[in-house]
Structures are given as structure tokens and as C-alpha cells.
Amino acid sequence: MKIENSIDTFNSLLKRRGFVWGPSPEIYGGFAGFYSYGPAGMALKNNILALFRKECRYFGFGEVECPTIMPSIVWEASGHLERFIDPVMRCIKCNTLYRADKFLQENLPDLMVDGLSFEEMEKLIKKHKLICPKCGNSMQKIEEYNLMLKTSVGNNVIAYLRPETATTTYLLFNRLDQDARRQYPIKIYQYGKAYRNEISPRQGVLRMRSFDQFELQIFISREQEMEYEDYEEVKNNALPLLDWKLQENGINKPNLISLEKAIIDKILKKPAYAYCLYVSYYLTKILGIPEELIRFRQHSLNERAHYADDAWDLEIKTMQYGWVEICGIHDRTDYDLKRHAEYSKQNFEVSMGVDPTVKEIPQVLEIAFGIDRIIYTLLESTFNVEEGRLILKINPNLAPNTVAVFPLVRNKENIRKLALKVHRELLENRIGSFFDATGSIGKRYRRQDELGTPYCITIDYDSIEDNTVTIRDRDSMEQMRVKISDLSEIIKKKQEEHNNINFTK
């Protein structure tokens, strides 16, 4: 049977190999917007998080963790209760609810919908005679729909599940300022769950009601934004930038341009913000996503949040969904801290420059990753079908299994015992090893190809005689014979070589 390189084949692989299951709970028919990760999916996620945490340490970011539920005053101060809304409309007959802007994008893909008012969207719907795809009737007027998930705590105190991790990080500002001894900029990140009551979540893990965020924040002075030391180290790096003026002219291909030139040409305003673009690009590139699938798209003036001085999305091109945002880079100015200072009656003005008498509320620069979106785009971009083989060419340092160990034949006890010994020695050296003795050797190779396992080790009759094994490479299928005593060091060296080739700081 011929296996096609298709979306259906890929989607089937995700479920079959334990990456993503759902909607969950599947045994009760599924609940839209909620998905579960299987063992392979969790292993991949944890490897991504471990890599991000290690690299964030290099870039000087510390980690915090905050509660996922906060009282209503927090979300009143942040503006979420007032502004965190989607435009929705209902069919007059079947009562099906649609998000108006997404409905227009799907039906009028050549038009720029972002930033349109309710009235402008309604005019487009009437002009193009758009109707309910479910029953063919017209729509009611567009209304506001708040995405916050409401709950109560204790004795019916109104609270909300956080729709992002960022706001809960800002609430720690006084503590962070004290902890850093007022040495600016302060670099902090937080990983954790966020919740949004999506109207009709689709696109699998790309748009869920419960999802994971990895958000980096830089608290910085206005002066430091323009004279930023870390920028000097990265300014010669070229990034694929699609600014809003290019988009207005119907251009969708980004320009590969150095950060320094982007500042000179006023595509970017602030060196510190340009540095944030670099950090997000670096963290994406080391995952192993091909360069040609990555771009930065600037928000238009209408699309940009009211408080933002600039905003770019880092997007990945997918087969199934087109360009998908995996990270937003936002210049949030001093909006968040000003609002929380006002509502909490706290003073967030601090000395940040040479003159201690000059005080200001810090600016906030944000890099906001969606981990679930990273997982999907990474898996799709590394999926291949080669001569009937389904392969995930995942970065060897991220794959769910680094190594799989096979006894050539399972009914020979001496071969099986040696294979188990090799497997345990790899685990003792903290190399992720998987033992598999079932099925033909060919089928075992195929199973590991589908999981993205970079190296398979076979123990055969010769292994008993000379203490050597065969290592088979996932991508090239080349095999080499090595001594068992050298195995762990060889695997570690291969991983290090991949790191060096993949991307350099």
C-alpha cells in the first residue's frame, strides 16, 4: 500500500504514536478545545521546555511561577474584563455562533479584516451576501463576547482563570525590583497554563481553551531601550521581516534584513525591542524548524493593541493551516504597570538611571510563546514520507527517544540479556533509551522513525562475540559498527555535533 505525504497521514500519526489525543475526554465524545498529550507528546514538550529554560538562563532570564486564578480586580486593572473580547454573531435560525472576523477571513481571504469595527464587518457580510454555512440563513448583529473563564473562590468571591501568564508576572513587580536590587533591565519568564473561553475552537492544539504559554518579560527604562548593550552583540543578525507597509501593498514575502538596518530604516524603533525579536528567532531556530518556514509579521496600526508601541508575530508556514503564529513580540510600554499601580495603590516608580532622583515606571517588552503551537508546527515541519517510510526528522535533542535498543532476535536469551544491559547503561548515562523486542527488525525501525528517534541500536550474534553493536541513523539510514563500551560517548558526541551545526549564538 502506498503511503502518501498528506495531512491525513500526518494527523493519523499524531494520534497513533501518542503525541496528541482528543478532543478530551474521548470516551465521552470529546469536549471542544481540550486535548491530551500522550507519552511521546509529553516527552517532546518536556524536552522543548528543558531547552528553552537552559537558553533563557544564557540570555539572563530568571523564572517565576504564579497562581492561575486571580480576583476580578486584577483583570479589571489589566483591561481584560473590558477589552478581552471577540466579535461574535449568531444565525437567526439555527442559533450557531460564529466569530465574525474569522468568518470573514475564511470567506474573503483576500481582504484585510484585522482591526475592522463591528459596523465595517457587518457591511462586508451584507455586501457579499454571506450566510450561515450550516443552514443557509442570515446572521444577527455582531456582539461582544468576553473570553475570560469565570469562577468563584471561597465564599463566592468572583475570580477568573488567567487568559495569559504575563499579567500574573507583572503583579510581582515590587518583589522583582527588590530581588534584582534595582539593577535594570530585569529579565523574567514564566511557563504555565492559561485559559480562554473560545467560541468555537478548531484547529486542534492551535486554538484551545486550556493551553500552555512560555512568556518572557523585560522591565527596562526608556533610556535603556535606545542604548541597549545586548543589542550590540546581535545587531548584525538578519531576520525575515514582513512589515505592515509591505502587507498593505499586497506583499506576503518577508525581507531578510539585519536588525541594524531595520533600525536605520525605521522598520524597528528601539534596539532593545530588536533584541527581543532576535531572542524569539533564536529560540525558534534551535528547535530545528527550517528557515524558509519562518517569518516575522508586523501588526498593522489597526490590528495593534491600543497600548502597544509595536507588535510583531513570529509565524510558521504549515501545510494544514497556512501561516501560524507561535510567538508574539510586544512593546507594551508602561501600560501594565501604570494600570496595576493605579488599581493597587502601589508606587511603581523606580530609579533606573545614573541620577537616583529621576524616577519612572519601567517599560515592558514581551516575548510570548505558545508551547502547544510550537509542538504542532515542529511536528508538521519535520514530517516526511520517504519511500514508504514515515519519518519525523526532529532535532535529536528534542525527540521523545534519543535511542532505541533492539535485540535482533527475541528468543535468544543471551542476545536479549545483552540488549537489556546496553539499554540500562544508556539510561544510567542519562540518555533517553527505549527497549523494543517485538515484531520484525524492520517494523521496529519504522516505529521509531515515526517517533523521530534519531538512533537505533541493534544487538546481534556478533555482539556476543566481540561486544560491538550496530548504530543506525534515522535520516540517512547509514549503519556503523561500534564498541559497546564507546556507545554512550558516541551518542553524546552526535548530539553535541547537532547542536553546533544547528545554530550558533
Protein backbone atom coordinates (compact mmCIF):
# COMPACT_ATOMS: atom_id res chain seq x y z
CA MET A 1 0.00 0.00 0.00
CA LYS A 2 1.36 3.39 -1.00
CA ILE A 3 1.66 5.87 1.87
CA GLU A 4 1.02 9.48 0.85
CA ASN A 5 2.71 12.54 2.28
CA SER A 6 -0.59 14.11 3.28
CA ILE A 7 -2.22 15.93 6.15
CA ASP A 8 -4.42 12.90 6.86
CA THR A 9 -1.35 10.69 7.17
CA PHE A 10 0.29 13.22 9.50
CA ASN A 11 -2.82 13.68 11.68
CA SER A 12 -3.18 9.91 11.98
CA LEU A 13 0.47 9.64 13.05
CA LEU A 14 -0.02 12.18 15.87
CA LYS A 15 -2.73 10.05 17.44
CA ARG A 16 -1.28 6.64 16.61
CA ARG A 17 2.11 7.37 18.11
CA GLY A 18 0.86 9.07 21.25
CA PHE A 19 1.67 12.72 20.56
CA VAL A 20 -1.79 14.31 20.83
CA TRP A 21 -5.15 12.74 21.69
CA GLY A 22 -8.58 14.31 21.69
CA PRO A 23 -10.71 16.30 21.93
CA SER A 24 -10.75 15.03 25.50
CA PRO A 25 -12.33 13.16 27.15
CA GLU A 26 -12.61 10.91 24.08
CA ILE A 27 -14.62 8.19 25.85
CA TYR A 28 -17.42 10.75 26.43
CA GLY A 29 -17.40 12.14 22.91
CA GLY A 30 -14.86 14.91 23.49
CA PHE A 31 -15.10 18.47 24.81
CA ALA A 32 -14.14 21.03 22.18
CA GLY A 33 -10.95 22.96 22.87
CA PHE A 34 -9.39 20.43 25.26
CA TYR A 35 -6.66 17.97 24.25
CA SER A 36 -4.39 15.48 26.00
CA TYR A 37 -0.74 14.72 25.31
CA GLY A 38 0.31 11.08 25.16
CA PRO A 39 3.73 9.80 26.30
CA ALA A 40 5.51 10.90 23.10
CA GLY A 41 3.86 14.33 23.17
CA MET A 42 4.79 14.91 26.80
CA ALA A 43 8.38 13.76 26.22
CA LEU A 44 8.67 16.20 23.30
CA LYS A 45 7.10 19.04 25.31
CA ASN A 46 9.38 18.48 28.29
CA ASN A 47 12.45 18.40 26.03
CA ILE A 48 11.41 21.72 24.46
CA LEU A 49 10.86 23.27 27.88
CA ALA A 50 14.21 21.99 29.14
CA LEU A 51 15.95 23.51 26.11
CA PHE A 52 14.11 26.84 26.49
CA ARG A 53 14.90 27.02 30.21
CA LYS A 54 18.59 26.35 29.56
CA GLU A 55 18.76 29.02 26.83
CA CYS A 56 16.79 31.57 28.87
CA ARG A 57 19.40 31.16 31.58
CA TYR A 58 22.06 32.01 28.98
CA PHE A 59 20.14 35.16 27.98
CA GLY A 60 19.88 36.23 31.64
CA PHE A 61 16.21 35.45 32.35
CA GLY A 62 15.03 34.16 35.73
CA GLU A 63 11.87 32.08 36.15
CA VAL A 64 8.79 32.70 38.29
CA GLU A 65 5.55 30.81 38.81
CA CYS A 66 2.24 32.44 39.72
CA PRO A 67 -1.32 31.28 40.53
CA THR A 68 -3.61 30.57 37.58
CA ILE A 69 -6.65 32.12 39.34
CA MET A 70 -6.80 35.79 40.30
CA PRO A 71 -9.52 38.06 41.76
CA SER A 72 -11.59 40.19 39.41
CA ILE A 73 -9.78 43.44 40.33
CA VAL A 74 -6.63 42.12 38.64
CA TRP A 75 -8.46 41.68 35.33
CA GLU A 76 -10.27 44.97 35.73
CA ALA A 77 -6.90 46.70 36.13
CA SER A 78 -5.32 44.83 33.22
CA GLY A 79 -8.21 45.76 30.93
CA HIS A 80 -9.20 42.15 30.20
CA LEU A 81 -12.73 42.49 31.55
CA GLU A 82 -13.27 45.50 29.30
CA ARG A 83 -11.28 44.64 26.19
CA PHE A 84 -10.59 40.89 26.07
CA ILE A 85 -13.47 40.25 23.71
CA ASP A 86 -14.21 38.64 20.36
CA PRO A 87 -16.81 39.85 17.85
CA VAL A 88 -19.48 37.16 17.50
CA MET A 89 -22.69 36.68 15.55
CA ARG A 90 -25.47 34.12 15.61
CA CYS A 91 -27.51 32.59 12.84
CA ILE A 92 -31.11 33.84 13.04
CA LYS A 93 -32.47 30.30 12.60
CA CYS A 94 -30.12 27.58 13.89
CA ASN A 95 -28.52 29.84 16.53
CA THR A 96 -24.97 28.70 15.60
CA LEU A 97 -22.36 31.09 16.98
CA TYR A 98 -19.51 32.36 14.79
CA ARG A 99 -16.53 34.58 15.47
CA ALA A 100 -17.13 37.40 12.98
CA ASP A 101 -13.54 38.24 11.98
CA LYS A 102 -12.58 34.58 11.45
CA PHE A 103 -15.80 34.02 9.50
CA LEU A 104 -14.86 36.90 7.18
CA GLN A 105 -11.26 35.72 6.80
CA GLU A 106 -12.42 32.27 5.73
CA ASN A 107 -14.98 33.61 3.25
CA LEU A 108 -12.98 36.64 1.99
CA PRO A 109 -9.33 35.52 2.22
CA ASP A 110 -8.03 38.36 0.01
CA LEU A 111 -9.36 41.13 2.27
CA MET A 112 -7.58 42.59 5.33
CA VAL A 113 -10.04 42.01 8.17
CA ASP A 114 -7.84 42.74 11.19
CA GLY A 115 -8.78 45.92 13.01
CA LEU A 116 -12.19 46.42 11.36
CA SER A 117 -15.03 47.77 13.52
CA PHE A 118 -18.22 45.82 14.12
CA GLU A 119 -20.03 48.10 11.70
CA GLU A 120 -17.42 47.62 8.98
CA MET A 121 -17.59 43.83 9.35
CA GLU A 122 -21.39 43.86 9.16
CA LYS A 123 -21.22 45.90 5.95
CA LEU A 124 -18.88 43.33 4.39
CA ILE A 125 -21.22 40.49 5.37
CA LYS A 126 -24.17 42.26 3.73
CA LYS A 127 -22.20 43.34 0.66
CA HIS A 128 -21.00 39.81 -0.10
CA LYS A 129 -24.29 38.22 1.00
CA LEU A 130 -22.58 35.86 3.42
CA ILE A 131 -24.88 33.37 5.12
CA CYS A 132 -24.72 30.67 7.80
CA PRO A 133 -22.78 27.73 6.31
CA LYS A 134 -24.78 25.33 8.46
CA CYS A 135 -28.34 26.21 7.43
CA GLY A 136 -28.07 28.95 4.79
CA ASN A 137 -29.82 31.72 6.71
CA SER A 138 -28.65 35.25 7.53
CA MET A 139 -26.88 36.42 10.69
CA GLN A 140 -27.86 38.58 13.63
CA LYS A 141 -25.90 41.72 14.55
CA ILE A 142 -22.33 41.34 15.78
CA GLU A 143 -21.97 41.38 19.57
CA GLU A 144 -19.17 41.34 22.15
CA TYR A 145 -18.10 38.04 23.68
CA ASN A 146 -15.68 38.06 26.64
CA LEU A 147 -13.14 35.23 26.57
CA MET A 148 -12.48 35.17 30.31
CA LEU A 149 -13.37 31.99 32.20
CA LYS A 150 -15.18 32.99 35.40
CA THR A 151 -15.22 31.08 38.67
CA SER A 152 -15.74 31.66 42.39
CA VAL A 153 -13.34 31.10 45.27
CA GLY A 154 -14.15 30.52 48.94
CA ASN A 155 -17.34 32.24 49.99
CA ASN A 156 -18.44 33.12 46.44
CA VAL A 157 -15.64 35.60 45.75
CA ILE A 158 -15.64 36.26 42.00
CA ALA A 159 -12.38 35.31 40.29
CA TYR A 160 -11.14 34.44 36.80
CA LEU A 161 -8.78 31.89 35.32
CA ARG A 162 -5.89 33.77 33.76
CA PRO A 163 -6.10 34.17 29.96
CA GLU A 164 -2.29 34.66 29.81
CA THR A 165 0.70 34.25 32.11
CA ALA A 166 2.02 37.78 31.54
CA THR A 167 -0.36 39.70 33.82
CA THR A 168 0.41 37.47 36.79
CA THR A 169 4.12 38.19 36.23
CA TYR A 170 3.53 41.96 36.36
CA LEU A 171 1.87 41.60 39.76
CA LEU A 172 5.26 40.58 41.17
CA PHE A 173 6.96 43.81 40.09
CA ASN A 174 7.72 45.21 43.56
CA ARG A 175 9.22 41.87 44.62
CA LEU A 176 11.23 41.56 41.40
CA ASP A 177 12.56 45.10 41.78
CA GLN A 178 13.70 44.31 45.32
CA ASP A 179 15.13 40.90 44.37
CA ALA A 180 17.16 42.40 41.50
CA ARG A 181 18.40 45.22 43.79
CA ARG A 182 17.05 47.72 41.26
CA GLN A 183 19.55 46.63 38.62
CA TYR A 184 17.83 47.13 35.26
CA PRO A 185 16.83 45.71 32.90
CA ILE A 186 15.11 42.91 34.82
CA LYS A 187 14.56 39.77 32.71
CA ILE A 188 11.91 37.28 33.83
CA TYR A 189 9.93 34.45 32.23
CA GLN A 190 7.01 32.29 33.28
CA TYR A 191 5.69 28.99 31.94
CA GLY A 192 2.23 27.70 32.73
CA LYS A 193 -1.42 27.20 31.88
CA ALA A 194 -3.72 29.88 30.52
CA TYR A 195 -7.44 29.63 29.73
CA ARG A 196 -9.67 31.25 27.14
CA ASN A 197 -13.32 30.55 26.57
CA GLU A 198 -13.05 30.26 22.79
CA ILE A 199 -16.36 30.45 20.94
CA SER A 200 -15.88 27.51 18.60
CA PRO A 201 -12.33 26.19 18.99
CA ARG A 202 -10.98 24.45 15.92
CA GLN A 203 -7.52 23.70 14.50
CA GLY A 204 -6.66 21.14 17.17
CA VAL A 205 -3.98 22.26 19.63
CA LEU A 206 -3.53 25.59 17.83
CA ARG A 207 -6.65 27.05 19.43
CA MET A 208 -7.56 25.50 22.75
CA ARG A 209 -9.46 26.62 25.82
CA SER A 210 -6.67 25.36 28.08
CA PHE A 211 -3.15 25.84 26.76
CA ASP A 212 0.49 26.40 27.73
CA GLN A 213 2.37 29.68 27.46
CA PHE A 214 6.05 30.49 27.83
CA GLU A 215 6.32 34.27 28.20
CA LEU A 216 9.44 36.37 28.67
CA GLN A 217 9.27 39.91 30.07
CA ILE A 218 11.92 42.63 30.17
CA PHE A 219 11.40 45.55 32.57
CA ILE A 220 13.51 48.36 31.18
CA SER A 221 13.93 52.16 31.17
CA ARG A 222 13.24 54.38 28.18
CA GLU A 223 16.91 55.25 28.01
CA GLN A 224 17.99 51.59 28.02
CA GLU A 225 15.53 50.77 25.23
CA MET A 226 17.50 53.06 22.92
CA GLU A 227 21.00 52.30 24.26
CA TYR A 228 20.92 48.57 24.87
CA GLU A 229 24.19 46.70 25.31
CA ASP A 230 22.84 43.23 24.45
CA TYR A 231 21.57 44.55 21.11
CA GLU A 232 25.13 45.39 20.04
CA GLU A 233 26.02 41.69 20.19
CA VAL A 234 23.17 40.58 17.87
CA LYS A 235 22.51 43.58 15.58
CA ASN A 236 24.23 42.01 12.56
CA ASN A 237 21.89 39.01 12.52
CA ALA A 238 19.42 39.03 9.61
CA LEU A 239 15.78 38.17 10.27
CA PRO A 240 12.87 37.62 7.83
CA LEU A 241 10.75 40.75 8.44
CA LEU A 242 7.37 41.47 6.83
CA ASP A 243 6.43 44.96 7.97
CA TRP A 244 2.89 46.33 7.79
CA LYS A 245 3.68 48.62 4.86
CA LEU A 246 4.68 45.63 2.73
CA GLN A 247 1.45 43.92 3.71
CA GLU A 248 -0.57 46.98 2.71
CA ASN A 249 0.97 46.67 -0.76
CA GLY A 250 -0.13 43.05 -1.02
CA ILE A 251 3.35 41.60 -0.39
CA ASN A 252 3.49 38.46 1.77
CA LYS A 253 7.16 37.55 1.36
CA PRO A 254 9.43 38.90 4.12
CA ASN A 255 12.70 40.72 3.53
CA LEU A 256 15.80 39.17 5.06
CA ILE A 257 17.30 42.19 6.78
CA SER A 258 19.79 42.77 9.59
CA LEU A 259 18.46 44.21 12.83
CA GLU A 260 20.82 47.16 12.49
CA LYS A 261 19.48 48.02 9.03
CA ALA A 262 15.90 47.58 10.29
CA ILE A 263 16.64 50.21 12.97
CA ILE A 264 18.32 52.55 10.46
CA ASP A 265 15.40 52.17 8.00
CA LYS A 266 12.93 52.74 10.88
CA ILE A 267 11.25 49.37 10.35
CA LEU A 268 12.04 48.87 14.05
CA LYS A 269 12.13 51.75 16.53
CA LYS A 270 14.12 50.52 19.50
CA PRO A 271 17.30 48.42 19.78
CA ALA A 272 16.02 46.64 22.91
CA TYR A 273 12.88 45.61 21.02
CA ALA A 274 15.02 44.42 18.09
CA TYR A 275 16.92 42.28 20.60
CA CYS A 276 13.61 40.67 21.62
CA LEU A 277 12.95 39.72 18.00
CA TYR A 278 16.39 38.08 17.90
CA VAL A 279 15.77 36.08 21.10
CA SER A 280 12.46 34.76 19.76
CA TYR A 281 14.11 33.87 16.43
CA TYR A 282 16.99 32.11 18.15
CA LEU A 283 14.70 30.03 20.37
CA THR A 284 12.68 29.03 17.30
CA LYS A 285 15.68 28.18 15.13
CA ILE A 286 17.33 25.88 17.68
CA LEU A 287 14.17 23.75 17.65
CA GLY A 288 15.06 22.73 14.10
CA ILE A 289 12.26 24.45 12.18
CA PRO A 290 13.53 25.22 8.63
CA GLU A 291 14.41 28.87 7.96
CA GLU A 292 12.18 29.10 4.89
CA LEU A 293 9.10 28.39 7.03
CA ILE A 294 9.76 31.24 9.48
CA ARG A 295 8.75 34.90 9.20
CA PHE A 296 8.02 37.91 11.41
CA ARG A 297 4.80 39.74 10.52
CA GLN A 298 4.22 43.21 11.93
CA HIS A 299 0.76 44.17 13.18
CA SER A 300 -0.91 46.96 11.25
CA LEU A 301 -1.84 50.13 13.13
CA ASN A 302 -5.47 48.94 13.30
CA GLU A 303 -4.54 45.43 14.43
CA ARG A 304 -2.17 46.57 17.17
CA ALA A 305 -3.40 46.70 20.77
CA HIS A 306 -4.25 50.22 21.94
CA TYR A 307 -1.33 50.35 24.39
CA ALA A 308 1.32 48.78 22.13
CA ASP A 309 4.09 50.84 20.59
CA ASP A 310 4.96 47.93 18.27
CA ALA A 311 3.92 44.31 17.78
CA TRP A 312 5.22 41.50 15.57
CA ASP A 313 4.14 37.87 15.31
CA LEU A 314 6.66 35.12 14.66
CA GLU A 315 4.84 32.80 12.26
CA ILE A 316 5.49 29.32 10.87
CA LYS A 317 4.15 28.21 7.49
CA THR A 318 2.14 24.99 7.78
CA MET A 319 0.55 22.68 5.22
CA GLN A 320 -2.71 22.41 7.12
CA TYR A 321 -3.36 25.95 8.39
CA GLY A 322 -1.12 28.30 6.42
CA TRP A 323 0.88 30.82 8.46
CA VAL A 324 0.51 30.12 12.18
CA GLU A 325 1.60 32.48 14.96
CA ILE A 326 3.73 30.69 17.56
CA CYS A 327 5.07 33.79 19.30
CA GLY A 328 4.07 37.42 19.77
CA ILE A 329 6.68 40.09 20.46
CA HIS A 330 5.09 43.18 22.01
CA ASP A 331 6.29 46.58 23.11
CA ARG A 332 3.77 47.08 25.92
CA THR A 333 5.18 50.48 27.03
CA ASP A 334 4.40 51.24 30.70
CA TYR A 335 0.69 50.45 30.30
CA ASP A 336 0.52 47.34 32.51
CA LEU A 337 2.49 48.68 35.46
CA LYS A 338 0.65 52.02 35.34
CA ARG A 339 -2.71 50.29 35.47
CA HIS A 340 -1.76 47.97 38.33
CA ALA A 341 -0.16 50.85 40.23
CA GLU A 342 -3.41 52.78 39.92
CA TYR A 343 -5.71 49.93 41.00
CA SER A 344 -3.47 48.53 43.74
CA LYS A 345 -2.49 51.98 45.12
CA GLN A 346 1.16 50.95 44.88
CA ASN A 347 4.03 53.15 43.71
CA PHE A 348 5.88 51.51 40.84
CA GLU A 349 8.16 54.46 40.07
CA VAL A 350 11.81 53.49 40.49
CA SER A 351 15.27 54.95 39.86
CA MET A 352 16.66 53.28 36.76
CA GLY A 353 19.39 55.60 35.52
CA VAL A 354 22.55 57.27 36.77
CA ASP A 355 20.62 60.01 38.56
CA PRO A 356 18.79 58.42 41.57
CA THR A 357 16.46 61.41 41.86
CA VAL A 358 14.91 60.68 38.45
CA LYS A 359 12.21 58.05 38.75
CA GLU A 360 9.99 56.38 36.15
CA ILE A 361 7.68 53.44 35.71
CA PRO A 362 9.53 50.78 33.68
CA GLN A 363 8.62 49.89 30.12
CA VAL A 364 7.75 46.25 29.41
CA LEU A 365 8.96 44.27 26.39
CA GLU A 366 7.34 40.86 25.95
CA ILE A 367 8.13 37.64 24.07
CA ALA A 368 5.09 35.35 24.31
CA PHE A 369 5.39 31.75 23.02
CA GLY A 370 2.53 29.28 22.73
CA ILE A 371 4.10 25.91 23.55
CA ASP A 372 1.24 23.87 22.04
CA ARG A 373 1.62 25.76 18.77
CA ILE A 374 5.35 25.12 18.82
CA ILE A 375 4.73 21.39 19.24
CA TYR A 376 2.31 21.26 16.32
CA THR A 377 4.41 23.33 13.90
CA LEU A 378 7.60 21.49 14.86
CA LEU A 379 6.00 18.10 14.23
CA GLU A 380 4.43 19.15 10.93
CA SER A 381 7.59 20.82 9.63
CA THR A 382 9.70 17.72 10.39
CA PHE A 383 7.22 15.18 8.96
CA ASN A 384 8.39 13.32 5.87
CA VAL A 385 7.42 10.31 3.76
CA GLU A 386 10.43 8.71 2.07
CA GLU A 387 9.98 5.53 0.04
CA GLY A 388 7.15 4.34 2.25
CA ARG A 389 8.87 5.40 5.49
CA LEU A 390 7.06 7.86 7.74
CA ILE A 391 9.72 9.93 9.47
CA LEU A 392 9.74 12.77 11.98
CA LYS A 393 13.13 14.42 11.48
CA ILE A 394 13.00 16.04 14.89
CA ASN A 395 16.07 17.67 16.41
CA PRO A 396 17.85 14.68 18.07
CA ASN A 397 17.99 16.62 21.35
CA LEU A 398 14.20 17.01 21.39
CA ALA A 399 12.99 13.61 20.15
CA PRO A 400 10.89 11.59 22.64
CA ASN A 401 13.51 8.81 22.49
CA THR A 402 17.16 9.55 21.81
CA VAL A 403 17.95 5.87 21.23
CA ALA A 404 16.02 2.64 20.71
CA VAL A 405 17.70 -0.67 21.54
CA PHE A 406 16.71 -3.87 19.70
CA PRO A 407 17.78 -7.47 20.23
CA LEU A 408 17.94 -8.87 16.69
CA VAL A 409 16.00 -11.95 17.77
CA ARG A 410 13.97 -12.05 20.95
CA ASN A 411 14.04 -15.81 21.58
CA LYS A 412 17.81 -15.92 22.11
CA GLU A 413 18.27 -15.26 25.81
CA ASN A 414 21.93 -14.23 25.60
CA ILE A 415 21.16 -11.62 22.91
CA ARG A 416 18.16 -10.32 24.85
CA LYS A 417 20.15 -10.03 28.09
CA LEU A 418 22.95 -8.12 26.40
CA ALA A 419 20.41 -5.77 24.74
CA LEU A 420 18.82 -5.06 28.13
CA LYS A 421 22.26 -4.41 29.62
CA VAL A 422 23.07 -1.90 26.83
CA HIS A 423 19.66 -0.23 27.32
CA ARG A 424 20.22 0.16 31.08
CA GLU A 425 23.74 1.50 30.65
CA LEU A 426 22.42 4.18 28.29
CA LEU A 427 19.77 5.13 30.85
CA GLU A 428 22.42 5.28 33.58
CA ASN A 429 24.30 7.77 31.39
CA ARG A 430 21.05 9.80 31.21
CA ILE A 431 20.47 9.05 27.54
CA GLY A 432 16.79 8.56 26.72
CA SER A 433 16.64 4.91 25.64
CA PHE A 434 13.68 2.75 24.63
CA PHE A 435 13.79 -1.06 24.57
CA ASP A 436 11.78 -2.92 21.93
CA ALA A 437 11.89 -6.65 21.27
CA THR A 438 8.55 -7.19 19.48
CA GLY A 439 7.99 -7.59 15.76
CA SER A 440 10.45 -7.81 12.90
CA ILE A 441 13.53 -5.60 12.99
CA GLY A 442 12.14 -3.66 10.02
CA LYS A 443 8.90 -2.87 11.83
CA ARG A 444 10.81 -1.78 14.91
CA TYR A 445 12.85 0.63 12.80
CA ARG A 446 9.64 2.04 11.29
CA ARG A 447 8.02 2.57 14.67
CA GLN A 448 11.00 4.59 15.85
CA ASP A 449 11.16 6.57 12.58
CA GLU A 450 7.57 7.63 13.26
CA LEU A 451 8.54 8.82 16.76
CA GLY A 452 11.55 10.73 15.43
CA THR A 453 14.11 8.55 17.28
CA PRO A 454 17.47 9.59 15.79
CA TYR A 455 19.47 6.43 16.57
CA CYS A 456 18.57 2.73 16.68
CA ILE A 457 20.97 0.18 18.15
CA THR A 458 20.80 -3.50 17.22
CA ILE A 459 22.38 -6.28 19.26
CA ASP A 460 23.03 -9.39 17.14
CA TYR A 461 25.02 -12.65 17.20
CA ASP A 462 28.32 -10.83 16.59
CA SER A 463 27.64 -8.62 19.62
CA ILE A 464 28.00 -11.70 21.87
CA GLU A 465 31.39 -12.48 20.37
CA ASP A 466 33.05 -9.06 20.06
CA ASN A 467 30.97 -6.66 22.24
CA THR A 468 30.05 -4.45 19.30
CA VAL A 469 26.65 -3.17 18.15
CA THR A 470 25.17 -1.54 15.06
CA ILE A 471 24.01 2.10 15.22
CA ARG A 472 21.54 3.07 12.53
CA ASP A 473 20.96 6.76 11.70
CA ARG A 474 17.32 7.81 11.26
CA ASP A 475 17.79 10.29 8.41
CA SER A 476 20.47 8.63 6.26
CA MET A 477 19.75 5.01 7.35
CA GLU A 478 23.52 4.53 7.39
CA GLN A 479 24.80 1.93 9.84
CA MET A 480 28.09 1.79 11.71
CA ARG A 481 29.62 -0.79 14.00
CA VAL A 482 30.92 0.43 17.36
CA LYS A 483 32.10 -0.98 20.66
CA ILE A 484 29.52 -1.20 23.44
CA SER A 485 31.98 0.50 25.81
CA ASP A 486 32.10 3.56 23.49
CA LEU A 487 28.37 3.75 22.85
CA SER A 488 27.32 6.41 25.37
CA GLU A 489 30.14 8.76 24.41
CA ILE A 490 29.39 8.35 20.70
CA ILE A 491 25.70 9.19 21.20
CA LYS A 492 26.54 12.25 23.33
CA LYS A 493 29.07 13.42 20.73
CA LYS A 494 26.48 13.10 17.96
CA GLN A 495 24.06 15.25 19.96
CA GLU A 496 26.70 17.89 20.58
CA GLU A 497 27.61 17.95 16.87
CA HIS A 498 23.98 18.55 16.01
CA ASN A 499 23.84 21.49 18.44
CA ASN A 500 26.92 23.06 16.87
CA ILE A 501 25.60 22.69 13.33
CA ASN A 502 22.06 23.78 14.09
CA PHE A 503 22.57 27.36 15.27
CA THR A 504 25.21 29.45 16.95
CA LYS A 505 24.68 32.37 19.32
